[in-house]
Amino acid sequence: MAIVVNIDVMLAKRKMQSKELAEILNITPANLSILKTGKAKGFRFDTLEAICKALDCQPGDIIEYIKE
């Protein structure tokens, strides 16, 4: 897929665990895992905003387009 989700990269940069982010976002670790692995068909802008707020980053830090 041409869209890559970089939540793991940002978690590592912020020295935060997935479990902690899931708690901040008020979602289950399983749902966060689906987002992290890129298996989600999409996610809402409010979720993206919450991730960016929690990780102090921009949407482009989370999702990236890579030409195949």
Protein backbone atom coordinates (compact mmCIF):
# COMPACT_ATOMS: atom_id res chain seq x y z
CA MET A 1 0.00 0.00 0.00
CA ALA A 2 1.26 3.48 -0.82
CA ILE A 3 0.14 5.01 2.51
CA VAL A 4 2.46 4.22 5.42
CA VAL A 5 1.48 4.77 9.06
CA ASN A 6 4.41 5.88 11.22
CA ILE A 7 2.86 5.79 14.69
CA ASP A 8 5.60 3.40 15.88
CA VAL A 9 8.29 5.82 14.74
CA MET A 10 6.70 8.71 16.63
CA LEU A 11 6.15 6.56 19.72
CA ALA A 12 9.86 5.69 19.72
CA LYS A 13 10.87 9.34 19.25
CA ARG A 14 8.64 10.35 22.17
CA LYS A 15 9.72 7.35 24.28
CA MET A 16 6.10 6.40 24.79
CA GLN A 17 4.57 2.92 24.83
CA SER A 18 1.59 1.90 22.74
CA LYS A 19 -0.38 1.12 25.87
CA GLU A 20 0.10 4.67 27.15
CA LEU A 21 -1.02 6.18 23.83
CA ALA A 22 -4.07 3.91 23.73
CA GLU A 23 -5.04 5.12 27.20
CA ILE A 24 -4.62 8.77 26.19
CA LEU A 25 -6.74 8.19 23.07
CA ASN A 26 -9.28 6.16 25.02
CA ILE A 27 -9.10 3.27 22.56
CA THR A 28 -8.17 -0.36 23.08
CA PRO A 29 -4.57 -1.46 22.48
CA ALA A 30 -5.95 -3.82 19.81
CA ASN A 31 -7.51 -0.91 17.89
CA LEU A 32 -4.29 1.08 18.18
CA SER A 33 -2.41 -1.93 16.83
CA ILE A 34 -4.71 -1.99 13.79
CA LEU A 35 -3.90 1.67 13.16
CA LYS A 36 -0.15 1.17 13.70
CA THR A 37 0.12 -1.74 11.30
CA GLY A 38 -1.78 0.07 8.56
CA LYS A 39 -4.50 -2.57 8.52
CA ALA A 40 -7.24 0.00 9.17
CA LYS A 41 -9.17 1.04 6.07
CA GLY A 42 -9.08 4.59 7.41
CA PHE A 43 -9.35 6.65 10.52
CA ARG A 44 -11.19 9.76 11.52
CA PHE A 45 -9.69 13.22 11.57
CA ASP A 46 -10.53 13.57 15.26
CA THR A 47 -8.48 10.41 15.94
CA LEU A 48 -5.60 11.78 13.87
CA GLU A 49 -5.86 15.07 15.76
CA ALA A 50 -5.78 13.25 19.12
CA ILE A 51 -2.72 11.23 18.04
CA CYS A 52 -0.94 14.41 16.93
CA LYS A 53 -1.82 16.15 20.19
CA ALA A 54 -0.64 13.21 22.31
CA LEU A 55 2.62 12.82 20.36
CA ASP A 56 3.16 16.55 19.76
CA CYS A 57 3.54 16.10 16.01
CA GLN A 58 1.97 16.93 12.67
CA PRO A 59 -0.31 14.65 10.57
CA GLY A 60 2.53 14.23 8.06
CA ASP A 61 4.64 12.70 10.83
CA ILE A 62 1.97 10.01 11.28
CA ILE A 63 0.92 9.19 7.73
CA GLU A 64 3.11 9.25 4.65
CA TYR A 65 2.58 8.61 0.95
CA ILE A 66 5.26 6.50 -0.70
CA LYS A 67 5.03 6.08 -4.45
CA GLU A 68 5.06 2.42 -5.39
